[in-house]
């Protein structure tokens, strides 16, 4: 796998995916999205991989949003294509069937915040900053932020962040439920590894079906979610 903008390593059952564009605060462009898709498709297909850790290179940014230079030069058709592409990559991460831990080591803005929200669990360094500043540019979050954020933090808190475009710190992000845990930056990857070790000690099929049941259940009614749970139990038992 030849990657220009990512570092990708598989070690001890864990796929380590690092967006490696520190000079532009790990901003997402077309090439980076393509490489994220390639890396996570590989992690999904590899039976030896039990989970993944997604982070950014350096200590300033997880992902500071989409690449403004690329957006500025895009016509409406190209912009729509990039939006669909980004949505597809984040759907892949969210529904990988394996836990993906976002180790948020700095700015998680715009598409970066949306990427973190697509992950199974989010842990944050103390200095990280979160936000959806798209309205300041005359657009709205395009990679799923308008849908994932209210599911994570509630409608009011989500609208406050999305409509103001203002960033918040790690403590506030934790308070509203946008991140699950805050740790010192130096301990971020070790803590992500510890969380994955605890999760992957359990049966991989059960983990996969649990992630699917939660994700799909949030998209429908409670009764539809319970029906999914019955189907998952039957599959785990080997029932036809």
C-alpha atoms as a PDB file:
ATOM      1  CA  UNK A   1       0.000   0.000   0.000  1.00  0.00           C
ATOM      2  CA  UNK A   2       1.616   3.252  -1.184  1.00  0.00           C
ATOM      3  CA  UNK A   3       0.366   6.164   0.895  1.00  0.00           C
ATOM      4  CA  UNK A   4       1.370   9.814   0.592  1.00  0.00           C
ATOM      5  CA  UNK A   5      -0.714  11.436   3.322  1.00  0.00           C
ATOM      6  CA  UNK A   6      -1.199   8.638   5.842  1.00  0.00           C
ATOM      7  CA  UNK A   7       0.955   6.518   8.077  1.00  0.00           C
ATOM      8  CA  UNK A   8      -0.527   3.021   8.318  1.00  0.00           C
ATOM      9  CA  UNK A   9       0.811   0.283  10.522  1.00  0.00           C
ATOM     10  CA  UNK A  10      -0.621  -3.000  11.755  1.00  0.00           C
ATOM     11  CA  UNK A  11       0.724  -4.257  15.048  1.00  0.00           C
ATOM     12  CA  UNK A  12      -0.560  -6.782  17.584  1.00  0.00           C
ATOM     13  CA  UNK A  13      -4.035  -6.869  16.068  1.00  0.00           C
ATOM     14  CA  UNK A  14      -4.387  -3.083  15.912  1.00  0.00           C
ATOM     15  CA  UNK A  15      -4.415  -0.886  12.790  1.00  0.00           C
ATOM     16  CA  UNK A  16      -2.767   2.474  13.471  1.00  0.00           C
ATOM     17  CA  UNK A  17      -3.986   5.132  11.034  1.00  0.00           C
ATOM     18  CA  UNK A  18      -2.300   8.552  11.248  1.00  0.00           C
ATOM     19  CA  UNK A  19      -3.208  11.469   9.005  1.00  0.00           C
ATOM     20  CA  UNK A  20       0.249  12.774   8.122  1.00  0.00           C
ATOM     21  CA  UNK A  21      -0.073  16.340   6.810  1.00  0.00           C
ATOM     22  CA  UNK A  22       1.136  18.353   9.817  1.00  0.00           C
ATOM     23  CA  UNK A  23       2.120  21.391   7.705  1.00  0.00           C
ATOM     24  CA  UNK A  24      -1.591  21.938   6.904  1.00  0.00           C
ATOM     25  CA  UNK A  25      -2.807  20.693  10.298  1.00  0.00           C
ATOM     26  CA  UNK A  26      -3.712  17.317   8.776  1.00  0.00           C
ATOM     27  CA  UNK A  27      -6.444  18.828   6.599  1.00  0.00           C
ATOM     28  CA  UNK A  28      -8.514  16.446   4.499  1.00  0.00           C
ATOM     29  CA  UNK A  29      -8.138  16.671   0.730  1.00  0.00           C
ATOM     30  CA  UNK A  30      -9.234  14.275  -1.997  1.00  0.00           C
ATOM     31  CA  UNK A  31      -6.029  12.238  -1.780  1.00  0.00           C
ATOM     32  CA  UNK A  32      -6.216  11.902   1.999  1.00  0.00           C
ATOM     33  CA  UNK A  33      -9.833  10.754   1.878  1.00  0.00           C
ATOM     34  CA  UNK A  34      -8.917   8.161  -0.750  1.00  0.00           C
ATOM     35  CA  UNK A  35      -6.089   6.883   1.422  1.00  0.00           C
ATOM     36  CA  UNK A  36      -8.324   6.751   4.503  1.00  0.00           C
ATOM     37  CA  UNK A  37     -10.760   4.624   2.527  1.00  0.00           C
ATOM     38  CA  UNK A  38      -7.950   2.316   1.398  1.00  0.00           C
ATOM     39  CA  UNK A  39      -6.543   1.926   4.911  1.00  0.00           C
ATOM     40  CA  UNK A  40      -9.871   1.223   6.590  1.00  0.00           C
ATOM     41  CA  UNK A  41     -10.965  -1.176   3.856  1.00  0.00           C
ATOM     42  CA  UNK A  42      -7.731  -3.056   4.457  1.00  0.00           C
ATOM     43  CA  UNK A  43      -8.318  -3.074   8.226  1.00  0.00           C
ATOM     44  CA  UNK A  44     -11.862  -4.349   7.716  1.00  0.00           C
ATOM     45  CA  UNK A  45     -10.735  -7.165   5.426  1.00  0.00           C
ATOM     46  CA  UNK A  46      -7.822  -8.323   7.610  1.00  0.00           C
ATOM     47  CA  UNK A  47      -9.119 -10.933  10.065  1.00  0.00           C
ATOM     48  CA  UNK A  48      -6.057 -10.412  12.262  1.00  0.00           C
ATOM     49  CA  UNK A  49      -7.049  -6.788  12.914  1.00  0.00           C
ATOM     50  CA  UNK A  50      -9.407  -6.476  15.887  1.00  0.00           C
ATOM     51  CA  UNK A  51      -9.609  -2.668  16.068  1.00  0.00           C
ATOM     52  CA  UNK A  52      -8.076   0.607  14.915  1.00  0.00           C
ATOM     53  CA  UNK A  53      -6.687   3.846  16.321  1.00  0.00           C
ATOM     54  CA  UNK A  54      -7.072   7.012  14.249  1.00  0.00           C
ATOM     55  CA  UNK A  55      -4.999  10.093  15.059  1.00  0.00           C
ATOM     56  CA  UNK A  56      -3.115  12.982  13.461  1.00  0.00           C
ATOM     57  CA  UNK A  57       0.606  13.591  13.057  1.00  0.00           C
ATOM     58  CA  UNK A  58       2.214  16.079  15.416  1.00  0.00           C
ATOM     59  CA  UNK A  59       0.691  17.587  18.543  1.00  0.00           C
ATOM     60  CA  UNK A  60      -1.294  20.486  17.042  1.00  0.00           C
ATOM     61  CA  UNK A  61      -4.073  18.812  15.095  1.00  0.00           C
ATOM     62  CA  UNK A  62      -6.098  15.651  14.834  1.00  0.00           C
ATOM     63  CA  UNK A  63      -7.702  16.875  11.614  1.00  0.00           C
ATOM     64  CA  UNK A  64      -8.297  20.618  11.297  1.00  0.00           C
ATOM     65  CA  UNK A  65     -10.993  20.279   8.639  1.00  0.00           C
ATOM     66  CA  UNK A  66     -11.161  19.990   4.887  1.00  0.00           C
ATOM     67  CA  UNK A  67      -8.369  21.478   2.790  1.00  0.00           C
ATOM     68  CA  UNK A  68      -9.534  25.043   2.122  1.00  0.00           C
ATOM     69  CA  UNK A  69      -7.253  25.393  -0.904  1.00  0.00           C
ATOM     70  CA  UNK A  70      -8.940  22.444  -2.592  1.00  0.00           C
ATOM     71  CA  UNK A  71     -12.442  23.650  -1.678  1.00  0.00           C
ATOM     72  CA  UNK A  72     -11.759  27.176  -2.962  1.00  0.00           C
ATOM     73  CA  UNK A  73     -10.923  25.861  -6.417  1.00  0.00           C
ATOM     74  CA  UNK A  74     -13.850  23.443  -6.664  1.00  0.00           C
ATOM     75  CA  UNK A  75     -16.923  24.041  -8.801  1.00  0.00           C
ATOM     76  CA  UNK A  76     -20.334  22.922  -7.452  1.00  0.00           C
ATOM     77  CA  UNK A  77     -20.102  19.484  -9.071  1.00  0.00           C
ATOM     78  CA  UNK A  78     -16.635  18.830  -7.657  1.00  0.00           C
ATOM     79  CA  UNK A  79     -17.679  20.113  -4.233  1.00  0.00           C
ATOM     80  CA  UNK A  80     -20.695  17.799  -4.194  1.00  0.00           C
ATOM     81  CA  UNK A  81     -18.472  14.891  -5.206  1.00  0.00           C
ATOM     82  CA  UNK A  82     -16.053  15.580  -2.375  1.00  0.00           C
ATOM     83  CA  UNK A  83     -18.970  15.764   0.069  1.00  0.00           C
ATOM     84  CA  UNK A  84     -20.310  12.386  -1.050  1.00  0.00           C
ATOM     85  CA  UNK A  85     -16.823  10.925  -0.910  1.00  0.00           C
ATOM     86  CA  UNK A  86     -16.256  12.208   2.620  1.00  0.00           C
ATOM     87  CA  UNK A  87     -19.613  10.869   3.756  1.00  0.00           C
ATOM     88  CA  UNK A  88     -18.743   7.463   2.314  1.00  0.00           C
ATOM     89  CA  UNK A  89     -15.379   7.316   4.081  1.00  0.00           C
ATOM     90  CA  UNK A  90     -16.912   8.257   7.433  1.00  0.00           C
ATOM     91  CA  UNK A  91     -19.703   5.716   6.971  1.00  0.00           C
ATOM     92  CA  UNK A  92     -16.993   3.108   6.405  1.00  0.00           C
ATOM     93  CA  UNK A  93     -15.260   4.084   9.659  1.00  0.00           C
ATOM     94  CA  UNK A  94     -18.512   4.156  11.633  1.00  0.00           C
ATOM     95  CA  UNK A  95     -19.684   0.783  10.321  1.00  0.00           C
ATOM     96  CA  UNK A  96     -16.338  -0.991  10.130  1.00  0.00           C
ATOM     97  CA  UNK A  97     -17.573  -3.814  12.346  1.00  0.00           C
ATOM     98  CA  UNK A  98     -14.486  -3.311  14.492  1.00  0.00           C
ATOM     99  CA  UNK A  99     -13.951  -0.623  17.147  1.00  0.00           C
ATOM    100  CA  UNK A 100     -12.207   2.538  15.953  1.00  0.00           C
ATOM    101  CA  UNK A 101     -10.765   4.795  18.656  1.00  0.00           C
ATOM    102  CA  UNK A 102     -10.234   8.451  17.783  1.00  0.00           C
ATOM    103  CA  UNK A 103      -7.122   9.670  19.610  1.00  0.00           C
ATOM    104  CA  UNK A 104      -7.728  13.406  19.283  1.00  0.00           C
ATOM    105  CA  UNK A 105      -4.374  15.116  19.695  1.00  0.00           C
ATOM    106  CA  UNK A 106      -5.269  18.709  18.782  1.00  0.00           C
ATOM    107  CA  UNK A 107      -7.663  20.625  16.550  1.00  0.00           C
ATOM    108  CA  UNK A 108     -10.702  18.607  15.445  1.00  0.00           C
ATOM    109  CA  UNK A 109     -12.580  21.149  13.360  1.00  0.00           C
ATOM    110  CA  UNK A 110     -15.045  20.840  10.493  1.00  0.00           C
ATOM    111  CA  UNK A 111     -14.391  17.552   8.720  1.00  0.00           C
ATOM    112  CA  UNK A 112     -12.013  16.627  11.535  1.00  0.00           C
ATOM    113  CA  UNK A 113     -14.748  16.890  14.145  1.00  0.00           C
ATOM    114  CA  UNK A 114     -17.020  14.909  11.824  1.00  0.00           C
ATOM    115  CA  UNK A 115     -14.344  12.231  11.438  1.00  0.00           C
ATOM    116  CA  UNK A 116     -13.975  11.933  15.203  1.00  0.00           C
ATOM    117  CA  UNK A 117     -17.740  11.574  15.595  1.00  0.00           C
ATOM    118  CA  UNK A 118     -17.741   8.663  13.126  1.00  0.00           C
ATOM    119  CA  UNK A 119     -15.367   6.735  15.374  1.00  0.00           C
ATOM    120  CA  UNK A 120     -16.622   4.260  17.958  1.00  0.00           C
ATOM    121  CA  UNK A 121     -15.019   6.005  20.951  1.00  0.00           C
ATOM    122  CA  UNK A 122     -13.351   9.412  21.237  1.00  0.00           C
ATOM    123  CA  UNK A 123     -10.542  10.194  23.660  1.00  0.00           C
ATOM    124  CA  UNK A 124      -9.036  13.657  23.727  1.00  0.00           C
ATOM    125  CA  UNK A 125      -5.827  15.340  24.737  1.00  0.00           C
ATOM    126  CA  UNK A 126      -6.309  18.169  27.231  1.00  0.00           C
ATOM    127  CA  UNK A 127      -5.402  20.843  24.687  1.00  0.00           C
ATOM    128  CA  UNK A 128      -7.705  19.635  21.874  1.00  0.00           C
ATOM    129  CA  UNK A 129     -10.297  21.961  20.349  1.00  0.00           C
ATOM    130  CA  UNK A 130     -13.559  20.967  18.644  1.00  0.00           C
ATOM    131  CA  UNK A 131     -15.966  22.756  16.367  1.00  0.00           C
ATOM    132  CA  UNK A 132     -18.000  22.975  13.172  1.00  0.00           C
ATOM    133  CA  UNK A 133     -17.028  26.376  11.703  1.00  0.00           C
ATOM    134  CA  UNK A 134     -18.635  25.797   8.300  1.00  0.00           C
ATOM    135  CA  UNK A 135     -21.315  28.485   8.708  1.00  0.00           C
ATOM    136  CA  UNK A 136     -18.545  31.083   8.855  1.00  0.00           C
ATOM    137  CA  UNK A 137     -17.712  30.066   5.272  1.00  0.00           C
ATOM    138  CA  UNK A 138     -21.331  30.123   4.134  1.00  0.00           C
ATOM    139  CA  UNK A 139     -21.814  26.334   4.108  1.00  0.00           C
ATOM    140  CA  UNK A 140     -22.915  23.625   6.541  1.00  0.00           C
ATOM    141  CA  UNK A 141     -21.121  20.489   7.795  1.00  0.00           C
ATOM    142  CA  UNK A 142     -20.951  18.171   4.808  1.00  0.00           C
ATOM    143  CA  UNK A 143     -19.554  14.863   6.054  1.00  0.00           C
ATOM    144  CA  UNK A 144     -22.386  13.997   8.456  1.00  0.00           C
ATOM    145  CA  UNK A 145     -21.932  16.442  11.310  1.00  0.00           C
ATOM    146  CA  UNK A 146     -25.531  17.654  11.212  1.00  0.00           C
ATOM    147  CA  UNK A 147     -26.656  14.058  11.816  1.00  0.00           C
ATOM    148  CA  UNK A 148     -24.042  12.583  14.135  1.00  0.00           C
ATOM    149  CA  UNK A 149     -23.641  15.554  16.461  1.00  0.00           C
ATOM    150  CA  UNK A 150     -27.255  15.746  17.700  1.00  0.00           C
ATOM    151  CA  UNK A 151     -27.206  11.988  18.235  1.00  0.00           C
ATOM    152  CA  UNK A 152     -24.139  12.384  20.446  1.00  0.00           C
ATOM    153  CA  UNK A 153     -24.821  15.602  22.354  1.00  0.00           C
ATOM    154  CA  UNK A 154     -28.524  16.339  21.847  1.00  0.00           C
ATOM    155  CA  UNK A 155     -30.292  18.777  19.542  1.00  0.00           C
ATOM    156  CA  UNK A 156     -29.717  21.958  21.553  1.00  0.00           C
ATOM    157  CA  UNK A 157     -25.983  21.532  22.112  1.00  0.00           C
ATOM    158  CA  UNK A 158     -25.510  20.438  18.506  1.00  0.00           C
ATOM    159  CA  UNK A 159     -27.336  23.464  17.109  1.00  0.00           C
ATOM    160  CA  UNK A 160     -25.378  25.765  19.412  1.00  0.00           C
ATOM    161  CA  UNK A 161     -22.089  24.473  18.009  1.00  0.00           C
ATOM    162  CA  UNK A 162     -23.190  24.225  14.390  1.00  0.00           C
ATOM    163  CA  UNK A 163     -24.959  27.594  14.193  1.00  0.00           C
ATOM    164  CA  UNK A 164     -22.330  29.610  16.087  1.00  0.00           C
ATOM    165  CA  UNK A 165     -19.362  28.029  14.342  1.00  0.00           C
ATOM    166  CA  UNK A 166     -17.372  28.665  17.527  1.00  0.00           C
ATOM    167  CA  UNK A 167     -14.889  26.083  18.854  1.00  0.00           C
ATOM    168  CA  UNK A 168     -14.965  24.541  22.315  1.00  0.00           C
ATOM    169  CA  UNK A 169     -12.234  23.035  24.458  1.00  0.00           C
ATOM    170  CA  UNK A 170     -11.806  19.444  25.555  1.00  0.00           C
ATOM    171  CA  UNK A 171     -13.460  19.943  28.934  1.00  0.00           C
ATOM    172  CA  UNK A 172     -16.631  21.363  27.396  1.00  0.00           C
ATOM    173  CA  UNK A 173     -16.598  18.663  24.715  1.00  0.00           C
ATOM    174  CA  UNK A 174     -16.444  16.059  27.477  1.00  0.00           C
ATOM    175  CA  UNK A 175     -19.202  17.750  29.471  1.00  0.00           C
ATOM    176  CA  UNK A 176     -21.665  17.635  26.578  1.00  0.00           C
ATOM    177  CA  UNK A 177     -20.694  14.105  25.528  1.00  0.00           C
ATOM    178  CA  UNK A 178     -18.794  14.884  22.366  1.00  0.00           C
ATOM    179  CA  UNK A 179     -15.730  13.076  23.754  1.00  0.00           C
ATOM    180  CA  UNK A 180     -15.697  10.140  26.129  1.00  0.00           C
ATOM    181  CA  UNK A 181     -12.476  10.751  28.019  1.00  0.00           C
ATOM    182  CA  UNK A 182      -9.688  13.330  28.434  1.00  0.00           C
ATOM    183  CA  UNK A 183      -6.080  12.312  29.051  1.00  0.00           C
ATOM    184  CA  UNK A 184      -2.703  14.067  28.923  1.00  0.00           C
ATOM    185  CA  UNK A 185      -1.444  14.249  25.362  1.00  0.00           C
ATOM    186  CA  UNK A 186       1.550  12.025  26.082  1.00  0.00           C
ATOM    187  CA  UNK A 187      -0.771   9.241  27.234  1.00  0.00           C
ATOM    188  CA  UNK A 188      -3.236   9.412  24.343  1.00  0.00           C
ATOM    189  CA  UNK A 189      -2.119   6.428  22.258  1.00  0.00           C
ATOM    190  CA  UNK A 190      -1.418   4.257  25.298  1.00  0.00           C
ATOM    191  CA  UNK A 191      -4.921   4.932  26.601  1.00  0.00           C
ATOM    192  CA  UNK A 192      -6.441   4.147  23.195  1.00  0.00           C
ATOM    193  CA  UNK A 193      -4.514   0.868  23.163  1.00  0.00           C
ATOM    194  CA  UNK A 194      -5.765   0.023  26.647  1.00  0.00           C
ATOM    195  CA  UNK A 195      -9.383   0.671  25.632  1.00  0.00           C
ATOM    196  CA  UNK A 196      -8.991  -1.507  22.541  1.00  0.00           C
ATOM    197  CA  UNK A 197      -7.350  -4.277  24.546  1.00  0.00           C
ATOM    198  CA  UNK A 198     -10.324  -4.348  26.909  1.00  0.00           C
ATOM    199  CA  UNK A 199     -12.826  -4.419  24.041  1.00  0.00           C
ATOM    200  CA  UNK A 200     -11.038  -6.922  21.824  1.00  0.00           C
ATOM    201  CA  UNK A 201     -10.705  -9.400  24.664  1.00  0.00           C
ATOM    202  CA  UNK A 202     -14.346 -10.166  23.863  1.00  0.00           C
ATOM    203  CA  UNK A 203     -15.773 -12.196  20.976  1.00  0.00           C
ATOM    204  CA  UNK A 204     -15.232 -10.375  17.655  1.00  0.00           C
ATOM    205  CA  UNK A 205     -18.614 -11.378  16.202  1.00  0.00           C
ATOM    206  CA  UNK A 206     -20.383 -10.115  19.303  1.00  0.00           C
ATOM    207  CA  UNK A 207     -18.467  -6.831  19.032  1.00  0.00           C
ATOM    208  CA  UNK A 208     -19.406  -6.495  15.367  1.00  0.00           C
ATOM    209  CA  UNK A 209     -23.091  -7.148  15.949  1.00  0.00           C
ATOM    210  CA  UNK A 210     -23.186  -4.847  18.989  1.00  0.00           C
ATOM    211  CA  UNK A 211     -21.734  -1.960  16.952  1.00  0.00           C
ATOM    212  CA  UNK A 212     -24.211  -2.665  14.157  1.00  0.00           C
ATOM    213  CA  UNK A 213     -27.173  -2.897  16.543  1.00  0.00           C
ATOM    214  CA  UNK A 214     -26.337   0.449  18.161  1.00  0.00           C
ATOM    215  CA  UNK A 215     -25.637   2.233  14.870  1.00  0.00           C
ATOM    216  CA  UNK A 216     -28.672   0.908  13.029  1.00  0.00           C
ATOM    217  CA  UNK A 217     -30.896   1.216  16.076  1.00  0.00           C
ATOM    218  CA  UNK A 218     -30.223   4.940  16.282  1.00  0.00           C
ATOM    219  CA  UNK A 219     -31.468   5.323  12.719  1.00  0.00           C
ATOM    220  CA  UNK A 220     -34.936   3.910  13.431  1.00  0.00           C
ATOM    221  CA  UNK A 221     -37.466   3.414  16.200  1.00  0.00           C
ATOM    222  CA  UNK A 222     -36.836   1.536  19.440  1.00  0.00           C
ATOM    223  CA  UNK A 223     -38.916  -1.366  18.152  1.00  0.00           C
ATOM    224  CA  UNK A 224     -36.818  -1.573  14.989  1.00  0.00           C
ATOM    225  CA  UNK A 225     -33.700  -1.558  17.154  1.00  0.00           C
ATOM    226  CA  UNK A 226     -35.048  -4.411  19.275  1.00  0.00           C
ATOM    227  CA  UNK A 227     -35.822  -6.384  16.118  1.00  0.00           C
ATOM    228  CA  UNK A 228     -32.221  -5.917  15.005  1.00  0.00           C
ATOM    229  CA  UNK A 229     -31.088  -7.223  18.371  1.00  0.00           C
ATOM    230  CA  UNK A 230     -33.137 -10.425  17.860  1.00  0.00           C
ATOM    231  CA  UNK A 231     -31.588 -10.954  14.421  1.00  0.00           C
ATOM    232  CA  UNK A 232     -28.098 -10.438  15.870  1.00  0.00           C
ATOM    233  CA  UNK A 233     -28.719 -12.985  18.652  1.00  0.00           C
ATOM    234  CA  UNK A 234     -29.945 -15.532  16.115  1.00  0.00           C
ATOM    235  CA  UNK A 235     -26.870 -14.952  13.939  1.00  0.00           C
ATOM    236  CA  UNK A 236     -24.533 -15.369  16.912  1.00  0.00           C
ATOM    237  CA  UNK A 237     -26.295 -18.636  17.822  1.00  0.00           C
ATOM    238  CA  UNK A 238     -26.000 -19.880  14.274  1.00  0.00           C
ATOM    239  CA  UNK A 239     -29.784 -20.026  13.790  1.00  0.00           C
ATOM    240  CA  UNK A 240     -31.029 -19.876  10.192  1.00  0.00           C
END
